[in-house]
Amino acid sequence: MRRVAPARASEAGWGQPKRPKPARGRSRDEVGWVKAHGGSGATSLVEALGGVDVGARWPDPARGEPRRVVLVGRTSARGLRAVSQALGALKEGNAPQGLDLLAVVLVADAPGRLPLGLLRRIRVLRSVARVHRVPWIPAWRTDGQLKYIPRQLVTLSKLVGSDVYGEGVVS
């Protein structure tokens, strides 16, 4: 049986990757989408709204990476906890200088209403940052075509200064 070494204090934490890959956009003013956790929905949002998928780290504007960022997480308990941790890292100064957090985007983890406990966590996040919620979009799960664009995506596209994708899609 293989043993896993315990994590060292010096190892990379949130916002401090071991070897950051440059997230090059067309300019530093392009929006960088930061994943609070794997499966957050950031890649789908990049495909829908443009920008740069930075991964699970804060970009470094000094290296030519986007300075305007959007933090993305799911509305599950695990996702909201990861968003909180990322915001904590940003507040504590564990992120490069010059970042402009435009918003936190919470992508629905399932169709339907959220339990009260999760709604309370979202209320706490709203006290710290601007929060946008994206509803459950079945087409993203099946890799199908959107029949219409949810108004929340239209609102989000205005925030990040992009056009929503999908010709033939009705808003």
N, C-alpha and C. Protein backbone atom coordinates (compact mmCIF):
# COMPACT_ATOMS: atom_id res chain seq x y z
N MET A 1 0.84 -1.17 0.00
CA MET A 1 0.00 0.00 0.00
C MET A 1 0.89 1.24 0.00
N ARG A 2 0.53 2.17 -0.80
CA ARG A 2 1.32 3.39 -0.96
C ARG A 2 0.92 4.41 0.10
N ARG A 3 1.90 5.01 0.75
CA ARG A 3 1.62 6.02 1.77
C ARG A 3 1.71 7.40 1.16
N VAL A 4 0.82 8.25 1.58
CA VAL A 4 0.82 9.63 1.10
C VAL A 4 1.45 10.50 2.18
N ALA A 5 2.42 11.29 1.77
CA ALA A 5 3.09 12.18 2.73
C ALA A 5 2.13 13.28 3.17
N PRO A 6 2.16 13.67 4.44
CA PRO A 6 1.29 14.75 4.89
C PRO A 6 1.67 16.07 4.22
N ALA A 7 0.68 16.93 4.06
CA ALA A 7 0.93 18.24 3.43
C ALA A 7 1.84 19.08 4.33
N ARG A 8 2.79 19.73 3.72
CA ARG A 8 3.68 20.62 4.46
C ARG A 8 3.12 22.02 4.46
N ALA A 9 3.45 22.77 5.48
CA ALA A 9 2.96 24.15 5.60
C ALA A 9 3.46 25.01 4.45
N SER A 10 4.61 24.65 3.89
CA SER A 10 5.19 25.46 2.82
C SER A 10 4.58 25.16 1.46
N GLU A 11 3.75 24.09 1.38
CA GLU A 11 3.15 23.76 0.09
C GLU A 11 2.13 24.81 -0.31
N ALA A 12 1.86 24.84 -1.58
CA ALA A 12 0.94 25.85 -2.11
C ALA A 12 -0.44 25.70 -1.52
N GLY A 13 -1.02 26.82 -1.13
CA GLY A 13 -2.40 26.86 -0.64
C GLY A 13 -3.24 27.58 -1.66
N TRP A 14 -4.42 28.01 -1.26
CA TRP A 14 -5.30 28.70 -2.19
C TRP A 14 -4.64 29.98 -2.65
N GLY A 15 -4.59 30.16 -3.96
CA GLY A 15 -4.03 31.38 -4.52
C GLY A 15 -2.52 31.33 -4.67
N GLN A 16 -1.91 30.22 -4.25
CA GLN A 16 -0.46 30.09 -4.34
C GLN A 16 -0.12 28.75 -5.00
N PRO A 17 -0.24 28.65 -6.33
CA PRO A 17 0.04 27.38 -6.99
C PRO A 17 1.52 27.06 -6.97
N LYS A 18 1.82 25.76 -7.12
CA LYS A 18 3.22 25.35 -7.16
C LYS A 18 3.92 25.95 -8.38
N ARG A 19 3.34 25.71 -9.55
CA ARG A 19 3.90 26.27 -10.78
C ARG A 19 2.77 26.88 -11.60
N PRO A 20 2.54 28.17 -11.43
CA PRO A 20 1.42 28.77 -12.16
C PRO A 20 1.66 28.78 -13.66
N LYS A 21 0.62 28.42 -14.39
CA LYS A 21 0.68 28.51 -15.84
C LYS A 21 0.16 29.88 -16.22
N PRO A 22 0.85 30.59 -17.09
CA PRO A 22 0.36 31.92 -17.47
C PRO A 22 -1.02 31.83 -18.11
N ALA A 23 -1.92 32.68 -17.70
CA ALA A 23 -3.27 32.75 -18.26
C ALA A 23 -3.30 33.97 -19.16
N ARG A 24 -2.82 33.82 -20.34
CA ARG A 24 -2.70 34.94 -21.26
C ARG A 24 -4.02 35.22 -21.96
N GLY A 25 -4.48 36.41 -21.85
CA GLY A 25 -5.66 36.86 -22.57
C GLY A 25 -5.23 37.84 -23.64
N ARG A 26 -6.21 38.47 -24.25
CA ARG A 26 -5.87 39.47 -25.25
C ARG A 26 -5.30 40.71 -24.59
N SER A 27 -5.67 40.93 -23.32
CA SER A 27 -5.13 42.05 -22.58
C SER A 27 -5.34 41.82 -21.10
N ARG A 28 -4.68 42.63 -20.29
CA ARG A 28 -4.85 42.53 -18.84
C ARG A 28 -6.26 42.93 -18.42
N ASP A 29 -6.96 43.64 -19.31
CA ASP A 29 -8.32 44.08 -18.98
C ASP A 29 -9.38 43.04 -19.30
N GLU A 30 -8.97 41.93 -19.93
CA GLU A 30 -9.91 40.85 -20.18
C GLU A 30 -10.27 40.20 -18.84
N VAL A 31 -11.44 39.64 -18.75
CA VAL A 31 -11.89 39.04 -17.49
C VAL A 31 -11.27 37.67 -17.30
N GLY A 32 -10.76 37.43 -16.10
CA GLY A 32 -10.25 36.11 -15.73
C GLY A 32 -11.27 35.41 -14.85
N TRP A 33 -11.63 34.19 -15.22
CA TRP A 33 -12.60 33.40 -14.47
C TRP A 33 -11.81 32.46 -13.56
N VAL A 34 -11.96 32.62 -12.26
CA VAL A 34 -11.23 31.86 -11.26
C VAL A 34 -12.14 30.80 -10.66
N LYS A 35 -11.70 29.53 -10.71
CA LYS A 35 -12.47 28.43 -10.15
C LYS A 35 -12.21 28.33 -8.65
N ALA A 36 -13.26 28.33 -7.86
CA ALA A 36 -13.10 28.12 -6.42
C ALA A 36 -12.83 26.65 -6.14
N HIS A 37 -13.26 25.78 -7.07
CA HIS A 37 -13.09 24.34 -6.92
C HIS A 37 -13.31 23.70 -8.29
N GLY A 38 -12.90 22.45 -8.43
CA GLY A 38 -13.14 21.73 -9.67
C GLY A 38 -14.62 21.54 -9.91
N GLY A 39 -15.04 21.65 -11.16
CA GLY A 39 -16.44 21.47 -11.50
C GLY A 39 -17.31 22.67 -11.16
N SER A 40 -16.69 23.82 -10.99
CA SER A 40 -17.42 25.02 -10.59
C SER A 40 -18.33 25.58 -11.68
N GLY A 41 -18.02 25.30 -12.93
CA GLY A 41 -18.78 25.86 -14.04
C GLY A 41 -18.06 27.01 -14.72
N ALA A 42 -16.83 27.29 -14.30
CA ALA A 42 -16.07 28.41 -14.88
C ALA A 42 -15.83 28.20 -16.37
N THR A 43 -15.50 26.99 -16.78
CA THR A 43 -15.22 26.73 -18.19
C THR A 43 -16.46 26.97 -19.03
N SER A 44 -17.62 26.56 -18.55
CA SER A 44 -18.87 26.81 -19.28
C SER A 44 -19.14 28.30 -19.39
N LEU A 45 -18.84 29.05 -18.35
CA LEU A 45 -19.04 30.50 -18.39
C LEU A 45 -18.06 31.16 -19.35
N VAL A 46 -16.83 30.67 -19.41
CA VAL A 46 -15.87 31.22 -20.38
C VAL A 46 -16.37 30.95 -21.80
N GLU A 47 -16.87 29.75 -22.05
CA GLU A 47 -17.40 29.43 -23.37
C GLU A 47 -18.61 30.30 -23.71
N ALA A 48 -19.42 30.61 -22.72
CA ALA A 48 -20.62 31.40 -22.95
C ALA A 48 -20.34 32.89 -23.06
N LEU A 49 -19.40 33.39 -22.23
CA LEU A 49 -19.22 34.84 -22.12
C LEU A 49 -17.85 35.35 -22.51
N GLY A 50 -16.92 34.45 -22.81
CA GLY A 50 -15.57 34.88 -23.17
C GLY A 50 -14.72 35.13 -21.94
N GLY A 51 -13.50 35.53 -22.17
CA GLY A 51 -12.56 35.76 -21.09
C GLY A 51 -11.54 34.64 -21.03
N VAL A 52 -10.86 34.56 -19.90
CA VAL A 52 -9.78 33.60 -19.72
C VAL A 52 -10.09 32.69 -18.54
N ASP A 53 -10.01 31.38 -18.77
CA ASP A 53 -10.17 30.41 -17.69
C ASP A 53 -8.82 30.32 -16.98
N VAL A 54 -8.72 30.92 -15.81
CA VAL A 54 -7.46 31.02 -15.08
C VAL A 54 -7.14 29.75 -14.32
N GLY A 55 -8.17 29.01 -13.96
CA GLY A 55 -7.97 27.83 -13.13
C GLY A 55 -8.24 28.17 -11.67
N ALA A 56 -7.72 27.36 -10.77
CA ALA A 56 -7.98 27.53 -9.34
C ALA A 56 -6.87 28.31 -8.67
N ARG A 57 -6.62 29.51 -9.17
CA ARG A 57 -5.61 30.40 -8.58
C ARG A 57 -5.95 31.82 -8.99
N TRP A 58 -5.37 32.76 -8.28
CA TRP A 58 -5.55 34.17 -8.65
C TRP A 58 -4.55 34.51 -9.73
N PRO A 59 -4.97 35.19 -10.80
CA PRO A 59 -4.03 35.60 -11.84
C PRO A 59 -3.12 36.72 -11.34
N ASP A 60 -2.00 36.90 -12.01
CA ASP A 60 -1.03 37.93 -11.63
C ASP A 60 -0.96 38.99 -12.72
N PRO A 61 -1.58 40.15 -12.51
CA PRO A 61 -1.55 41.21 -13.53
C PRO A 61 -0.13 41.65 -13.89
N ALA A 62 0.82 41.52 -12.98
CA ALA A 62 2.20 41.91 -13.27
C ALA A 62 2.82 41.01 -14.34
N ARG A 63 2.25 39.82 -14.53
CA ARG A 63 2.74 38.89 -15.54
C ARG A 63 1.91 38.96 -16.82
N GLY A 64 1.06 39.97 -16.93
CA GLY A 64 0.23 40.12 -18.12
C GLY A 64 -1.07 39.35 -18.07
N GLU A 65 -1.41 38.81 -16.91
CA GLU A 65 -2.66 38.07 -16.76
C GLU A 65 -3.78 39.03 -16.41
N PRO A 66 -5.03 38.60 -16.59
CA PRO A 66 -6.16 39.50 -16.33
C PRO A 66 -6.17 40.05 -14.90
N ARG A 67 -6.50 41.32 -14.78
CA ARG A 67 -6.60 41.94 -13.47
C ARG A 67 -8.04 41.93 -12.96
N ARG A 68 -8.99 41.91 -13.90
CA ARG A 68 -10.41 41.85 -13.53
C ARG A 68 -10.80 40.38 -13.44
N VAL A 69 -11.31 39.97 -12.27
CA VAL A 69 -11.60 38.56 -12.06
C VAL A 69 -13.03 38.34 -11.56
N VAL A 70 -13.52 37.15 -11.86
CA VAL A 70 -14.80 36.67 -11.37
C VAL A 70 -14.52 35.32 -10.72
N LEU A 71 -14.94 35.15 -9.48
CA LEU A 71 -14.75 33.90 -8.76
C LEU A 71 -16.00 33.04 -8.95
N VAL A 72 -15.81 31.76 -9.34
CA VAL A 72 -16.93 30.90 -9.68
C VAL A 72 -16.97 29.68 -8.76
N GLY A 73 -18.16 29.36 -8.27
CA GLY A 73 -18.37 28.15 -7.47
C GLY A 73 -19.78 27.63 -7.65
N ARG A 74 -20.00 26.41 -7.23
CA ARG A 74 -21.34 25.80 -7.27
C ARG A 74 -22.10 26.16 -5.99
N THR A 75 -23.41 25.95 -6.03
CA THR A 75 -24.25 26.26 -4.88
C THR A 75 -24.34 25.11 -3.88
N SER A 76 -23.51 24.10 -4.04
CA SER A 76 -23.47 23.01 -3.06
C SER A 76 -22.74 23.49 -1.81
N ALA A 77 -22.87 22.74 -0.72
CA ALA A 77 -22.17 23.11 0.52
C ALA A 77 -20.66 23.16 0.27
N ARG A 78 -20.12 22.17 -0.44
CA ARG A 78 -18.69 22.14 -0.74
C ARG A 78 -18.28 23.34 -1.58
N GLY A 79 -19.10 23.68 -2.58
CA GLY A 79 -18.79 24.81 -3.44
C GLY A 79 -18.80 26.13 -2.70
N LEU A 80 -19.80 26.34 -1.85
CA LEU A 80 -19.88 27.58 -1.09
C LEU A 80 -18.74 27.70 -0.09
N ARG A 81 -18.32 26.56 0.48
CA ARG A 81 -17.17 26.57 1.39
C ARG A 81 -15.90 26.96 0.63
N ALA A 82 -15.72 26.43 -0.58
CA ALA A 82 -14.55 26.76 -1.39
C ALA A 82 -14.54 28.24 -1.77
N VAL A 83 -15.70 28.79 -2.09
CA VAL A 83 -15.80 30.22 -2.41
C VAL A 83 -15.41 31.05 -1.19
N SER A 84 -15.90 30.67 -0.02
CA SER A 84 -15.54 31.38 1.21
C SER A 84 -14.04 31.36 1.46
N GLN A 85 -13.43 30.20 1.25
CA GLN A 85 -11.98 30.08 1.45
C GLN A 85 -11.21 30.96 0.47
N ALA A 86 -11.66 30.99 -0.78
CA ALA A 86 -11.00 31.82 -1.78
C ALA A 86 -11.13 33.30 -1.45
N LEU A 87 -12.32 33.71 -1.02
CA LEU A 87 -12.51 35.11 -0.63
C LEU A 87 -11.66 35.46 0.59
N GLY A 88 -11.53 34.52 1.50
CA GLY A 88 -10.67 34.72 2.67
C GLY A 88 -9.22 34.91 2.26
N ALA A 89 -8.76 34.11 1.30
CA ALA A 89 -7.38 34.25 0.82
C ALA A 89 -7.18 35.62 0.17
N LEU A 90 -8.18 36.08 -0.57
CA LEU A 90 -8.08 37.39 -1.20
C LEU A 90 -8.04 38.49 -0.15
N LYS A 91 -8.89 38.39 0.85
CA LYS A 91 -8.95 39.40 1.91
C LYS A 91 -7.66 39.44 2.73
N GLU A 92 -7.08 38.28 2.96
CA GLU A 92 -5.85 38.19 3.77
C GLU A 92 -4.61 38.61 2.99
N GLY A 93 -4.76 38.96 1.73
CA GLY A 93 -3.62 39.40 0.94
C GLY A 93 -2.84 38.27 0.30
N ASN A 94 -3.42 37.08 0.22
CA ASN A 94 -2.76 35.94 -0.41
C ASN A 94 -3.07 35.88 -1.90
N ALA A 95 -3.07 37.02 -2.52
CA ALA A 95 -3.33 37.14 -3.95
C ALA A 95 -2.45 38.26 -4.49
N PRO A 96 -2.13 38.21 -5.78
CA PRO A 96 -1.32 39.29 -6.36
C PRO A 96 -1.98 40.65 -6.23
N GLN A 97 -1.18 41.67 -6.18
CA GLN A 97 -1.66 43.05 -6.09
C GLN A 97 -2.35 43.44 -7.40
N GLY A 98 -3.32 44.33 -7.31
CA GLY A 98 -3.94 44.91 -8.49
C GLY A 98 -5.14 44.16 -9.02
N LEU A 99 -5.63 43.14 -8.30
CA LEU A 99 -6.80 42.41 -8.78
C LEU A 99 -8.07 43.19 -8.48
N ASP A 100 -9.02 43.10 -9.38
CA ASP A 100 -10.31 43.74 -9.23
C ASP A 100 -11.37 42.64 -9.28
N LEU A 101 -11.91 42.25 -8.12
CA LEU A 101 -12.94 41.21 -8.06
C LEU A 101 -14.26 41.83 -8.50
N LEU A 102 -14.73 41.44 -9.69
CA LEU A 102 -15.99 41.97 -10.21
C LEU A 102 -17.18 41.37 -9.48
N ALA A 103 -17.12 40.06 -9.24
CA ALA A 103 -18.24 39.38 -8.61
C ALA A 103 -17.88 37.95 -8.27
N VAL A 104 -18.74 37.35 -7.48
CA VAL A 104 -18.74 35.91 -7.24
C VAL A 104 -19.93 35.39 -8.03
N VAL A 105 -19.71 34.33 -8.81
CA VAL A 105 -20.80 33.72 -9.57
C VAL A 105 -21.04 32.34 -9.00
N LEU A 106 -22.27 32.10 -8.60
CA LEU A 106 -22.66 30.80 -8.06
C LEU A 106 -23.54 30.09 -9.07
N VAL A 107 -23.04 28.96 -9.57
CA VAL A 107 -23.74 28.18 -10.58
C VAL A 107 -24.53 27.09 -9.87
N ALA A 108 -25.81 26.97 -10.21
CA ALA A 108 -26.67 25.97 -9.57
C ALA A 108 -26.07 24.57 -9.72
N ASP A 109 -26.07 23.83 -8.62
CA ASP A 109 -25.53 22.47 -8.64
C ASP A 109 -26.61 21.44 -8.97
N ALA A 110 -27.87 21.86 -8.99
CA ALA A 110 -28.98 20.97 -9.32
C ALA A 110 -30.20 21.84 -9.63
N PRO A 111 -31.18 21.27 -10.32
CA PRO A 111 -32.40 22.05 -10.56
C PRO A 111 -33.19 22.20 -9.26
N GLY A 112 -34.01 23.23 -9.21
CA GLY A 112 -34.88 23.42 -8.05
C GLY A 112 -34.34 24.41 -7.05
N ARG A 113 -35.09 24.54 -5.97
CA ARG A 113 -34.75 25.50 -4.91
C ARG A 113 -33.63 24.98 -4.04
N LEU A 114 -32.91 25.93 -3.44
CA LEU A 114 -31.84 25.58 -2.52
C LEU A 114 -32.39 25.41 -1.11
N PRO A 115 -31.80 24.52 -0.33
CA PRO A 115 -32.18 24.40 1.08
C PRO A 115 -31.85 25.69 1.83
N LEU A 116 -32.57 25.95 2.90
CA LEU A 116 -32.42 27.16 3.67
C LEU A 116 -30.99 27.37 4.16
N GLY A 117 -30.33 26.31 4.58
CA GLY A 117 -28.95 26.42 5.07
C GLY A 117 -28.00 26.97 4.01
N LEU A 118 -28.18 26.54 2.76
CA LEU A 118 -27.32 27.04 1.68
C LEU A 118 -27.66 28.49 1.35
N LEU A 119 -28.94 28.83 1.40
CA LEU A 119 -29.34 30.23 1.16
C LEU A 119 -28.73 31.15 2.21
N ARG A 120 -28.63 30.68 3.44
CA ARG A 120 -28.00 31.49 4.49
C ARG A 120 -26.53 31.71 4.20
N ARG A 121 -25.86 30.67 3.71
CA ARG A 121 -24.44 30.83 3.36
C ARG A 121 -24.26 31.84 2.23
N ILE A 122 -25.18 31.81 1.28
CA ILE A 122 -25.11 32.77 0.17
C ILE A 122 -25.32 34.18 0.69
N ARG A 123 -26.20 34.35 1.64
CA ARG A 123 -26.44 35.67 2.25
C ARG A 123 -25.15 36.19 2.89
N VAL A 124 -24.40 35.33 3.54
CA VAL A 124 -23.13 35.73 4.14
C VAL A 124 -22.15 36.14 3.04
N LEU A 125 -22.08 35.38 1.96
CA LEU A 125 -21.19 35.74 0.84
C LEU A 125 -21.57 37.11 0.27
N ARG A 126 -22.87 37.37 0.19
CA ARG A 126 -23.33 38.67 -0.34
C ARG A 126 -22.91 39.83 0.55
N SER A 127 -22.64 39.57 1.81
CA SER A 127 -22.19 40.64 2.70
C SER A 127 -20.73 41.00 2.43
N VAL A 128 -20.02 40.15 1.71
CA VAL A 128 -18.60 40.34 1.45
C VAL A 128 -18.33 40.75 0.00
N ALA A 129 -19.13 40.23 -0.94
CA ALA A 129 -18.87 40.46 -2.36
C ALA A 129 -20.19 40.51 -3.13
N ARG A 130 -20.10 41.06 -4.32
CA ARG A 130 -21.25 41.07 -5.22
C ARG A 130 -21.45 39.62 -5.70
N VAL A 131 -22.66 39.10 -5.57
CA VAL A 131 -22.93 37.71 -5.91
C VAL A 131 -23.98 37.64 -7.02
N HIS A 132 -23.68 36.84 -8.04
CA HIS A 132 -24.62 36.55 -9.12
C HIS A 132 -24.88 35.06 -9.13
N ARG A 133 -26.14 34.68 -9.27
CA ARG A 133 -26.48 33.27 -9.34
C ARG A 133 -26.89 32.91 -10.76
N VAL A 134 -26.39 31.77 -11.22
CA VAL A 134 -26.74 31.25 -12.54
C VAL A 134 -27.59 30.01 -12.30
N PRO A 135 -28.76 29.94 -12.93
CA PRO A 135 -29.64 28.79 -12.70
C PRO A 135 -29.10 27.51 -13.32
N TRP A 136 -29.75 26.41 -12.99
CA TRP A 136 -29.43 25.11 -13.58
C TRP A 136 -29.71 25.20 -15.08
N ILE A 137 -28.73 24.84 -15.89
CA ILE A 137 -28.88 24.89 -17.34
C ILE A 137 -28.67 23.48 -17.87
N PRO A 138 -29.77 22.75 -18.17
CA PRO A 138 -29.66 21.36 -18.59
C PRO A 138 -28.76 21.17 -19.81
N ALA A 139 -28.75 22.13 -20.73
CA ALA A 139 -27.94 21.99 -21.94
C ALA A 139 -26.45 21.90 -21.61
N TRP A 140 -26.00 22.52 -20.52
CA TRP A 140 -24.59 22.43 -20.14
C TRP A 140 -24.25 21.02 -19.68
N ARG A 141 -25.21 20.35 -19.09
CA ARG A 141 -24.95 18.99 -18.61
C ARG A 141 -24.86 18.00 -19.76
N THR A 142 -25.69 18.19 -20.77
CA THR A 142 -25.75 17.24 -21.88
C THR A 142 -24.94 17.70 -23.09
N ASP A 143 -24.30 18.86 -22.99
CA ASP A 143 -23.55 19.45 -24.09
C ASP A 143 -24.45 19.74 -25.29
N GLY A 144 -25.69 20.09 -24.98
CA GLY A 144 -26.67 20.41 -26.01
C GLY A 144 -26.72 21.90 -26.31
N GLN A 145 -27.63 22.26 -27.18
CA GLN A 145 -27.82 23.66 -27.56
C GLN A 145 -28.80 24.32 -26.60
N LEU A 146 -28.51 25.56 -26.25
CA LEU A 146 -29.44 26.34 -25.44
C LEU A 146 -30.61 26.79 -26.31
N LYS A 147 -31.81 26.63 -25.80
CA LYS A 147 -32.99 27.11 -26.52
C LYS A 147 -33.23 28.58 -26.21
N TYR A 148 -32.82 29.00 -25.04
CA TYR A 148 -32.93 30.40 -24.64
C TYR A 148 -31.79 30.71 -23.67
N ILE A 149 -31.48 31.97 -23.55
CA ILE A 149 -30.42 32.40 -22.64
C ILE A 149 -31.07 32.91 -21.37
N PRO A 150 -30.76 32.31 -20.23
CA PRO A 150 -31.34 32.82 -18.99
C PRO A 150 -30.95 34.27 -18.75
N ARG A 151 -31.87 35.04 -18.20
CA ARG A 151 -31.61 36.47 -17.97
C ARG A 151 -30.39 36.69 -17.08
N GLN A 152 -30.10 35.73 -16.19
CA GLN A 152 -28.94 35.86 -15.31
C GLN A 152 -27.64 35.88 -16.12
N LEU A 153 -27.59 35.12 -17.22
CA LEU A 153 -26.40 35.15 -18.08
C LEU A 153 -26.30 36.47 -18.83
N VAL A 154 -27.44 37.01 -19.22
CA VAL A 154 -27.44 38.31 -19.90
C VAL A 154 -26.91 39.38 -18.95
N THR A 155 -27.39 39.37 -17.72
CA THR A 155 -26.93 40.33 -16.70
C THR A 155 -25.43 40.17 -16.46
N LEU A 156 -24.98 38.93 -16.37
CA LEU A 156 -23.57 38.66 -16.15
C LEU A 156 -22.72 39.10 -17.34
N SER A 157 -23.24 38.95 -18.55
CA SER A 157 -22.49 39.38 -19.74
C SER A 157 -22.29 40.90 -19.73
N LYS A 158 -23.26 41.63 -19.23
CA LYS A 158 -23.12 43.09 -19.12
C LYS A 158 -22.05 43.45 -18.09
N LEU A 159 -22.02 42.71 -16.99
CA LEU A 159 -21.03 42.97 -15.94
C LEU A 159 -19.61 42.78 -16.47
N VAL A 160 -19.38 41.70 -17.22
CA VAL A 160 -18.03 41.40 -17.70
C VAL A 160 -17.72 42.04 -19.05
N GLY A 161 -18.73 42.71 -19.63
CA GLY A 161 -18.50 43.43 -20.89
C GLY A 161 -18.35 42.51 -22.09
N SER A 162 -19.23 41.52 -22.21
CA SER A 162 -19.14 40.60 -23.34
C SER A 162 -20.52 40.38 -23.94
N ASP A 163 -20.52 39.71 -25.06
CA ASP A 163 -21.77 39.30 -25.69
C ASP A 163 -22.02 37.85 -25.32
N VAL A 164 -23.27 37.52 -25.08
CA VAL A 164 -23.61 36.14 -24.78
C VAL A 164 -23.56 35.36 -26.08
N TYR A 165 -23.02 34.15 -26.01
CA TYR A 165 -22.85 33.32 -27.21
C TYR A 165 -24.18 32.81 -27.73
N GLY A 166 -24.10 32.14 -28.86
CA GLY A 166 -25.22 31.37 -29.37
C GLY A 166 -26.13 32.12 -30.31
N GLU A 167 -25.78 32.14 -31.57
CA GLU A 167 -26.69 32.73 -32.54
C GLU A 167 -27.91 31.83 -32.65
N GLY A 168 -29.06 32.42 -32.79
CA GLY A 168 -30.28 31.66 -32.85
C GLY A 168 -30.86 31.36 -31.48
N VAL A 169 -30.18 31.79 -30.45
CA VAL A 169 -30.66 31.58 -29.09
C VAL A 169 -31.43 32.83 -28.68
N VAL A 170 -32.58 32.63 -28.08
CA VAL A 170 -33.42 33.74 -27.66
C VAL A 170 -33.19 34.03 -26.20
N SER A 171 -33.18 35.32 -25.84
CA SER A 171 -33.01 35.66 -24.42
C SER A 171 -34.35 35.90 -23.75
